[in-house]
Amino acid sequence: MNMAPTLTGVTVEQDAQTITCTWSDGFRFAFPMDGLRRACPCVMCKGGHEHMGAPVDLDVFRGTPLKRRTVRGAQPMGGYALQFTWEDGHNSGLYRLDQLRAWAEALSGRS
């Protein structure tokens, strides 16, 4: 049975403006904080329920950040997602671990 890699670590680096995810197979990826905030998967940020299945434009992770961000907390949610609390208090987005991995692989050229 082929097991998918599991998330083994999350490091929030305020000065570098990154959130680094590490998986059980040794793969690591540093997400820009602004990109993750702009990719927030909650219904409010997505613009309504009708947009919930829409893919994230990976360009939000590329280029110059639009804003400096602060992460006040990062919590695992039930073994399937991460929940971040941002500087503005927003914390309703649940970032699925499989989605984070897919974004990381696509952005690093591994997919």
Protein backbone atom coordinates (compact mmCIF):
# COMPACT_ATOMS: atom_id res chain seq x y z
CA MET A 1 0.00 0.00 0.00
CA ASN A 2 1.42 3.39 -1.06
CA MET A 3 0.93 5.95 1.72
CA ALA A 4 0.82 9.63 0.89
CA PRO A 5 3.47 11.71 2.66
CA THR A 6 2.27 13.31 5.88
CA LEU A 7 2.99 16.80 7.14
CA THR A 8 5.66 16.59 9.84
CA GLY A 9 6.45 20.24 10.48
CA VAL A 10 5.31 23.82 10.04
CA THR A 11 7.67 26.72 10.69
CA VAL A 12 6.43 30.30 10.69
CA GLU A 13 9.24 32.73 9.89
CA GLN A 14 7.94 36.26 10.43
CA ASP A 15 11.15 38.02 9.33
CA ALA A 16 11.42 35.97 6.14
CA GLN A 17 7.65 36.24 5.58
CA THR A 18 7.38 32.49 4.95
CA ILE A 19 5.60 29.44 6.29
CA THR A 20 7.68 26.34 5.65
CA CYS A 21 5.95 22.97 5.46
CA THR A 22 7.93 19.74 5.80
CA TRP A 23 6.58 16.31 4.82
CA SER A 24 7.52 12.79 5.89
CA ASP A 25 9.32 12.12 2.59
CA GLY A 26 11.73 15.01 3.28
CA PHE A 27 10.10 17.46 0.86
CA ARG A 28 10.07 21.04 2.18
CA PHE A 29 8.50 24.15 0.73
CA ALA A 30 8.47 27.75 1.97
CA PHE A 31 5.18 29.45 1.14
CA PRO A 32 5.15 33.25 1.07
CA MET A 33 2.78 34.45 3.80
CA ASP A 34 1.06 36.94 1.50
CA GLY A 35 0.39 34.19 -1.02
CA LEU A 36 -1.21 31.93 1.58
CA ARG A 37 -3.35 34.76 2.90
CA ARG A 38 -4.49 35.65 -0.62
CA ALA A 39 -5.25 31.96 -1.30
CA CYS A 40 -7.44 31.68 1.80
CA PRO A 41 -10.00 28.93 1.12
CA CYS A 42 -12.83 30.26 3.28
CA VAL A 43 -16.19 31.16 1.75
CA MET A 44 -15.78 34.86 2.56
CA CYS A 45 -12.40 35.14 0.83
CA LYS A 46 -13.52 32.96 -2.10
CA GLY A 47 -16.46 35.30 -2.74
CA GLY A 48 -19.35 32.98 -1.96
CA HIS A 49 -20.30 29.32 -1.98
CA GLU A 50 -20.51 29.19 -5.77
CA HIS A 51 -16.73 29.80 -5.95
CA MET A 52 -15.64 27.22 -3.37
CA GLY A 53 -14.42 24.67 -5.93
CA ALA A 54 -12.50 27.18 -8.04
CA PRO A 55 -8.76 26.50 -8.25
CA VAL A 56 -6.32 28.97 -6.76
CA ASP A 57 -4.30 31.02 -9.25
CA LEU A 58 -0.76 30.03 -8.28
CA ASP A 59 0.44 33.50 -9.30
CA VAL A 60 -0.62 34.67 -5.81
CA PHE A 61 2.51 32.85 -4.58
CA ARG A 62 4.85 34.33 -7.18
CA GLY A 63 6.40 37.76 -7.44
CA THR A 64 6.49 40.59 -4.96
CA PRO A 65 4.09 40.29 -2.01
CA LEU A 66 1.34 42.89 -1.95
CA LYS A 67 1.48 43.26 1.82
CA ARG A 68 3.64 42.29 4.79
CA ARG A 69 1.76 39.69 6.86
CA THR A 70 1.87 38.41 10.41
CA VAL A 71 0.78 34.94 11.46
CA ARG A 72 -0.44 34.93 15.06
CA GLY A 73 -1.10 31.21 15.16
CA ALA A 74 -0.95 27.99 13.15
CA GLN A 75 -3.07 25.07 14.34
CA PRO A 76 -3.53 21.57 12.95
CA MET A 77 -7.19 20.76 12.37
CA GLY A 78 -8.15 17.11 12.70
CA GLY A 79 -5.12 15.77 10.86
CA TYR A 80 -6.38 17.04 7.50
CA ALA A 81 -5.83 20.83 7.50
CA LEU A 82 -4.01 23.81 8.96
CA GLN A 83 -5.72 26.90 10.31
CA PHE A 84 -3.79 30.16 10.42
CA THR A 85 -4.70 33.22 12.43
CA TRP A 86 -3.61 36.31 10.51
CA GLU A 87 -2.76 39.83 11.69
CA ASP A 88 -6.31 41.01 10.99
CA GLY A 89 -7.79 38.26 13.18
CA HIS A 90 -9.03 36.26 10.19
CA ASN A 91 -8.88 32.52 10.88
CA SER A 92 -11.80 30.83 9.14
CA GLY A 93 -9.79 29.34 6.27
CA LEU A 94 -8.87 25.67 6.60
CA TYR A 95 -5.93 24.90 4.35
CA ARG A 96 -6.19 21.20 3.45
CA LEU A 97 -2.87 19.39 3.75
CA ASP A 98 -3.30 17.66 0.40
CA GLN A 99 -3.92 21.04 -1.23
CA LEU A 100 -0.85 22.57 0.41
CA ARG A 101 1.23 19.67 -0.88
CA ALA A 102 -0.21 20.02 -4.40
CA TRP A 103 0.52 23.76 -4.43
CA ALA A 104 4.07 23.15 -3.12
CA GLU A 105 4.77 20.52 -5.77
CA ALA A 106 3.38 22.71 -8.56
CA LEU A 107 5.31 25.77 -7.43
CA SER A 108 8.57 23.86 -7.02
CA GLY A 109 8.22 22.12 -10.39
CA ARG A 110 7.83 18.66 -8.86
CA SER A 111 4.37 17.97 -10.27
